[in-house]
Protein backbone atom coordinates (compact mmCIF):
# COMPACT_ATOMS: atom_id res chain seq x y z
CA MET A 1 84.09 107.31 130.67
CA ASN A 2 85.77 110.72 132.28
CA LYS A 3 87.97 113.07 129.73
CA SER A 4 91.29 111.22 131.30
CA GLN A 5 90.01 108.16 130.28
CA ASN A 6 89.36 109.18 126.68
CA SER A 7 92.69 110.47 126.59
CA GLY A 8 94.33 107.43 127.59
CA ILE A 9 92.77 105.41 125.41
CA LEU A 10 93.61 107.91 122.22
CA GLU A 11 97.22 107.90 123.49
CA GLN A 12 97.58 104.63 123.79
CA LEU A 13 95.84 103.90 120.20
CA VAL A 14 98.24 107.01 118.72
CA ASN A 15 101.38 104.57 120.28
CA THR A 16 100.20 101.74 119.03
CA ILE A 17 99.51 102.33 115.29
CA MET A 18 103.08 104.75 115.41
CA GLY A 19 104.82 102.16 116.85
CA VAL A 20 105.55 103.96 119.97
CA LYS A 21 107.16 102.53 123.43
CA THR A 22 106.32 105.02 126.25
CA GLY A 23 107.71 102.73 128.60
CA ASN A 24 111.68 103.25 130.19
CA GLN A 25 113.47 101.67 128.25
CA GLN A 26 116.24 98.92 129.88
CA GLN A 27 119.11 100.22 131.38
CA SER A 28 121.73 99.12 133.95
CA PRO A 29 120.38 100.28 137.37
CA ASN A 30 124.32 101.19 138.38
CA THR A 31 125.02 102.52 134.66
CA SER A 32 124.90 105.67 133.07
CA ILE A 33 126.90 106.96 129.94
CA ALA A 34 129.00 109.79 129.62
CA ALA A 35 129.89 111.41 126.52
CA THR A 36 133.81 112.68 125.65
CA GLN A 37 134.41 115.08 123.18
CA GLU A 38 136.41 112.70 120.91
CA LEU A 39 134.67 111.90 117.15
CA ASP A 40 132.58 108.44 117.81
CA ILE A 41 133.91 107.31 114.13
CA LYS A 42 132.62 104.11 114.20
CA ALA A 43 128.99 105.70 114.88
CA VAL A 44 129.60 107.85 112.00
CA VAL A 45 130.38 104.43 109.52
CA VAL A 46 127.53 102.79 111.43
CA TYR A 47 125.02 105.80 110.25
CA LYS A 48 125.66 106.11 106.88
CA LEU A 49 126.16 102.37 105.98
CA GLY A 50 122.96 101.88 107.53
CA THR A 51 121.44 104.88 105.76
CA ILE A 52 122.70 103.59 102.69
CA LEU A 53 121.48 100.01 103.04
CA GLN A 54 117.99 101.27 104.43
CA ILE A 55 117.80 103.34 101.08
CA GLY A 56 118.80 99.95 98.50
CA ALA A 57 116.26 98.04 100.17
CA MET A 58 113.58 100.45 100.00
CA ILE A 59 114.28 101.11 96.20
CA LEU A 60 114.32 97.24 95.76
CA ALA A 61 111.10 97.35 97.08
CA LEU A 62 110.00 100.01 94.61
CA LEU A 63 110.86 98.04 91.95
CA GLY A 64 109.23 94.88 93.31
CA MET A 65 105.69 97.06 93.51
CA GLU A 66 106.34 98.23 89.99
CA LYS A 67 106.47 94.94 88.63
CA LEU A 68 103.80 93.60 90.38
CA ILE A 69 101.49 96.23 89.32
CA ILE A 70 102.36 95.83 85.89
CA LEU A 71 101.28 92.25 85.98
CA ILE A 72 98.06 93.67 88.04
CA ASP A 73 97.43 96.27 85.30
CA ASN A 74 98.15 93.87 82.73
CA ASN A 75 95.09 91.19 84.31
CA SER A 76 92.02 92.30 82.73
CA SER A 77 90.26 89.91 85.55
CA LEU A 78 91.29 92.51 88.14
CA PRO A 79 89.29 95.68 88.55
CA ASN A 80 90.80 99.15 87.71
CA TRP A 81 91.12 100.35 91.08
CA PHE A 82 92.74 97.11 92.70
CA SER A 83 96.12 98.57 91.74
CA THR A 84 95.58 102.12 93.74
CA LEU A 85 94.54 100.25 96.67
CA LEU A 86 97.70 97.93 96.40
CA THR A 87 99.53 101.35 96.09
CA ALA A 88 97.51 103.04 98.84
CA LEU A 89 98.58 99.90 101.20
CA PHE A 90 102.10 100.32 99.94
CA PHE A 91 102.82 103.84 100.83
CA THR A 92 100.65 103.27 103.98
CA LEU A 93 103.91 100.76 105.18
CA LEU A 94 106.87 102.81 103.59
CA SER A 95 105.07 106.13 105.94
CA LEU A 96 104.06 103.97 108.90
CA ARG A 97 106.89 101.47 109.19
CA SER A 98 109.91 102.62 107.01
CA ARG A 99 112.33 101.52 109.96
CA ILE A 100 111.63 97.57 109.16
CA PHE A 101 114.06 98.10 106.15
CA SER A 102 116.65 99.13 108.16
CA LEU A 103 119.21 97.88 110.14
CA LEU A 104 119.73 100.62 112.89
CA ASP A 105 117.88 100.61 116.29
CA ASN A 106 114.96 102.86 115.20
CA THR A 107 112.82 102.17 118.73
CA ARG A 108 110.45 104.53 118.78
CA SER A 109 110.13 105.86 122.46
CA ARG A 110 109.25 109.25 124.31
CA GLN A 111 112.49 108.36 126.82
CA THR A 112 114.65 111.07 125.32
CA TYR A 113 112.15 113.14 125.14
CA ASP A 114 110.57 112.86 128.45
CA GLN A 115 113.56 113.05 129.95
CA VAL A 116 115.63 116.25 128.48
CA ILE A 117 115.17 120.03 129.65
CA ARG A 118 112.37 121.68 126.67
CA PRO A 119 111.38 124.78 126.07
CA ARG A 120 108.84 126.24 127.12
CA TRP A 121 106.77 126.06 123.66
CA SER A 122 107.89 122.35 123.07
CA PRO A 123 104.28 120.35 122.18
CA PRO A 124 103.10 117.49 124.39
CA PRO A 125 104.56 114.37 123.87
CA LEU A 126 101.50 113.08 122.39
CA ALA A 127 101.30 115.57 119.86
CA PHE A 128 104.10 114.01 117.88
CA PRO A 129 102.51 110.55 117.13
CA ILE A 130 99.40 112.84 116.32
CA VAL A 131 101.40 114.36 113.92
CA TRP A 132 102.99 111.98 112.28
CA MET A 133 100.22 109.82 112.06
CA ILE A 134 99.04 112.97 109.91
CA ILE A 135 101.80 113.38 107.85
CA ALA A 136 101.62 109.56 106.62
CA VAL A 137 98.25 109.91 105.40
CA LEU A 138 99.32 113.26 103.89
CA ARG A 139 102.50 111.35 102.30
CA VAL A 140 100.48 108.81 100.97
CA ILE A 141 97.59 110.42 99.45
CA SER A 142 99.89 112.90 97.39
CA SER A 143 102.43 109.46 96.85
CA VAL A 144 99.30 108.12 95.20
CA LEU A 145 98.84 111.02 93.09
CA VAL A 146 102.13 111.44 91.59
CA TRP A 147 102.18 107.45 91.22
CA GLN A 148 99.14 107.94 88.77
CA GLN A 149 100.98 111.49 86.91
CA MET A 150 104.21 108.54 86.44
CA ASN A 151 101.92 106.25 84.84
CA HIS A 152 101.92 103.66 87.55
CA GLN A 153 105.89 103.58 88.02
CA PHE A 154 107.53 102.86 91.05
CA LEU A 155 111.25 103.33 90.15
CA VAL A 156 111.65 107.17 89.40
CA ILE A 157 113.23 110.10 90.62
CA PRO A 158 110.16 111.18 92.83
CA PHE A 159 109.88 108.20 94.94
CA ILE A 160 113.89 107.39 95.20
CA LEU A 161 114.14 110.71 96.89
CA PHE A 162 110.46 110.08 99.19
CA VAL A 163 112.67 107.06 100.24
CA VAL A 164 116.13 108.77 100.54
CA HIS A 165 113.82 110.79 103.09
CA LEU A 166 112.17 108.37 104.98
CA ALA A 167 115.69 106.50 105.60
CA LEU A 168 117.19 110.21 106.36
CA GLY A 169 114.89 110.33 109.48
CA ASP A 170 114.72 106.65 110.43
CA THR A 171 118.81 107.48 111.26
CA TRP A 172 117.95 110.49 112.45
CA ASN A 173 115.37 108.94 115.37
CA THR A 174 118.63 106.47 115.71
CA ILE A 175 120.61 109.36 116.95
CA PHE A 176 118.54 111.13 118.92
CA THR A 177 115.98 108.77 120.25
CA VAL A 178 117.82 105.98 120.54
CA GLU A 179 121.20 106.94 121.27
CA ARG A 180 120.28 110.51 122.88
CA ARG A 181 122.86 112.17 120.90
CA LEU A 182 122.09 115.54 121.11
CA GLY A 183 124.46 117.65 119.26
CA ALA A 184 125.05 114.94 116.07
CA ALA A 185 120.72 115.39 115.79
CA VAL A 186 121.07 119.14 115.19
CA PRO A 187 123.06 119.30 112.10
CA VAL A 188 121.22 115.75 111.02
CA VAL A 189 117.68 117.08 111.37
CA ILE A 190 118.86 120.36 108.91
CA LEU A 191 120.70 118.20 106.60
CA GLY A 192 118.51 115.24 106.54
CA PRO A 193 114.67 114.97 107.20
CA TRP A 194 114.08 118.75 107.32
CA LEU A 195 116.09 119.44 103.94
CA SER A 196 115.18 116.29 102.26
CA ALA A 197 111.67 117.08 102.46
CA VAL A 198 111.70 120.15 101.18
CA VAL A 199 113.49 118.72 98.02
CA VAL A 200 110.67 115.86 97.79
CA THR A 201 108.06 118.45 98.77
CA ALA A 202 109.44 120.46 95.39
CA ILE A 203 109.98 117.45 93.25
CA TYR A 204 106.43 116.33 93.96
CA TRP A 205 104.71 119.55 93.28
CA GLN A 206 106.42 119.93 89.59
CA THR A 207 104.94 116.37 89.07
CA SER A 208 101.87 117.21 90.84
CA PRO A 209 101.01 120.69 92.33
CA VAL A 210 98.20 118.96 94.33
CA ALA A 211 100.54 116.32 95.38
CA GLY A 212 103.19 118.92 96.37
CA MET A 213 100.84 121.20 98.22
CA ILE A 214 99.22 118.18 100.64
CA LEU A 215 102.96 117.22 101.23
CA SER A 216 103.96 120.74 102.10
CA PHE A 217 102.37 120.32 105.80
CA SER A 218 105.21 117.68 106.35
CA CYS A 219 108.10 120.83 105.64
CA VAL A 220 106.10 123.02 108.46
CA TRP A 221 106.32 120.62 111.28
CA LEU A 222 110.21 119.48 110.40
CA THR A 223 110.69 122.74 110.55
CA VAL A 224 109.47 123.27 114.10
CA ALA A 225 110.77 119.55 114.88
CA ALA A 226 114.05 121.47 113.79
CA ALA A 227 113.96 124.42 115.49
CA LEU A 228 113.07 122.35 118.85
CA VAL A 229 116.00 119.88 118.54
CA LEU A 230 117.97 122.80 118.34
CA ARG A 231 116.89 124.36 121.58
CA ILE A 232 117.31 121.01 123.26
CA TRP A 233 120.39 120.90 122.71
CA GLN A 234 121.28 124.51 123.58
CA LEU A 235 119.32 124.14 126.89
CA ASN A 236 121.11 120.67 127.34
CA GLY A 237 124.65 121.38 127.56
CA SER A 238 125.36 122.15 124.01
CA GLU A 239 127.49 119.21 123.21
CA PRO A 240 129.96 118.86 120.23
CA LEU A 241 127.28 118.96 116.93
CA TYR A 242 128.86 115.64 115.98
CA PRO A 243 128.83 112.16 117.12
CA VAL A 244 130.99 111.31 120.21
CA LYS A 245 132.13 108.69 121.88
CA LEU A 246 129.80 107.08 124.79
CA THR A 247 131.06 105.32 127.33
CA PRO A 248 130.04 103.65 130.83
CA VAL A 249 130.39 104.85 134.35
CA GLU A 250 129.52 103.02 137.26
CA GLU A 251 127.43 104.98 139.86
């Protein structure tokens, strides 16, 4: 098996784990999308409502896990490590598939990144799912450490802020990857995923310094990602920094 085959297998494995689609999304062959300068109020409402509902759904999941772990911890017939294992699996689900709680289209696809003009220093497409997979592992480890420090509680400020961070990231993915709103993606990535990552890392650090140090890598990566999103916006026409109305244009 040669090097290119090994690379292809690695890419397929990583994309499968992270749920990234490499094929083109279905589009009408004779239709393209044109952006106007008009604010898309409907899109703004949908993003806000979708994010709020996703946060609410994940908070309910936290509540459900807390009640389940209480039952397990009170069951003397189960080993002490069982609740830790379930907690790690739960945070793995949140870290890898938080989008299952979202009503928005959160399809992970390389199409937008492959088609836009990118700066020379931009990472190759495969780097993103690999880095996010590493960050997912770090999120799980740091969250379990915080959970232990919080006496096995889930419905606490660190985890509520954590699910807010995940929801904001999923909404950003809808804006940039799915709908290709390069302008709106700039302020959203800064005020959403990046800023919330800093806040969550700080809260984790206060609860468990080791957990905060582990999670801080995500802040470094999101800083790079935010700079990349800004540069892509500049290189691709600098559309307005808000959701604009999109209209189909027959070719």
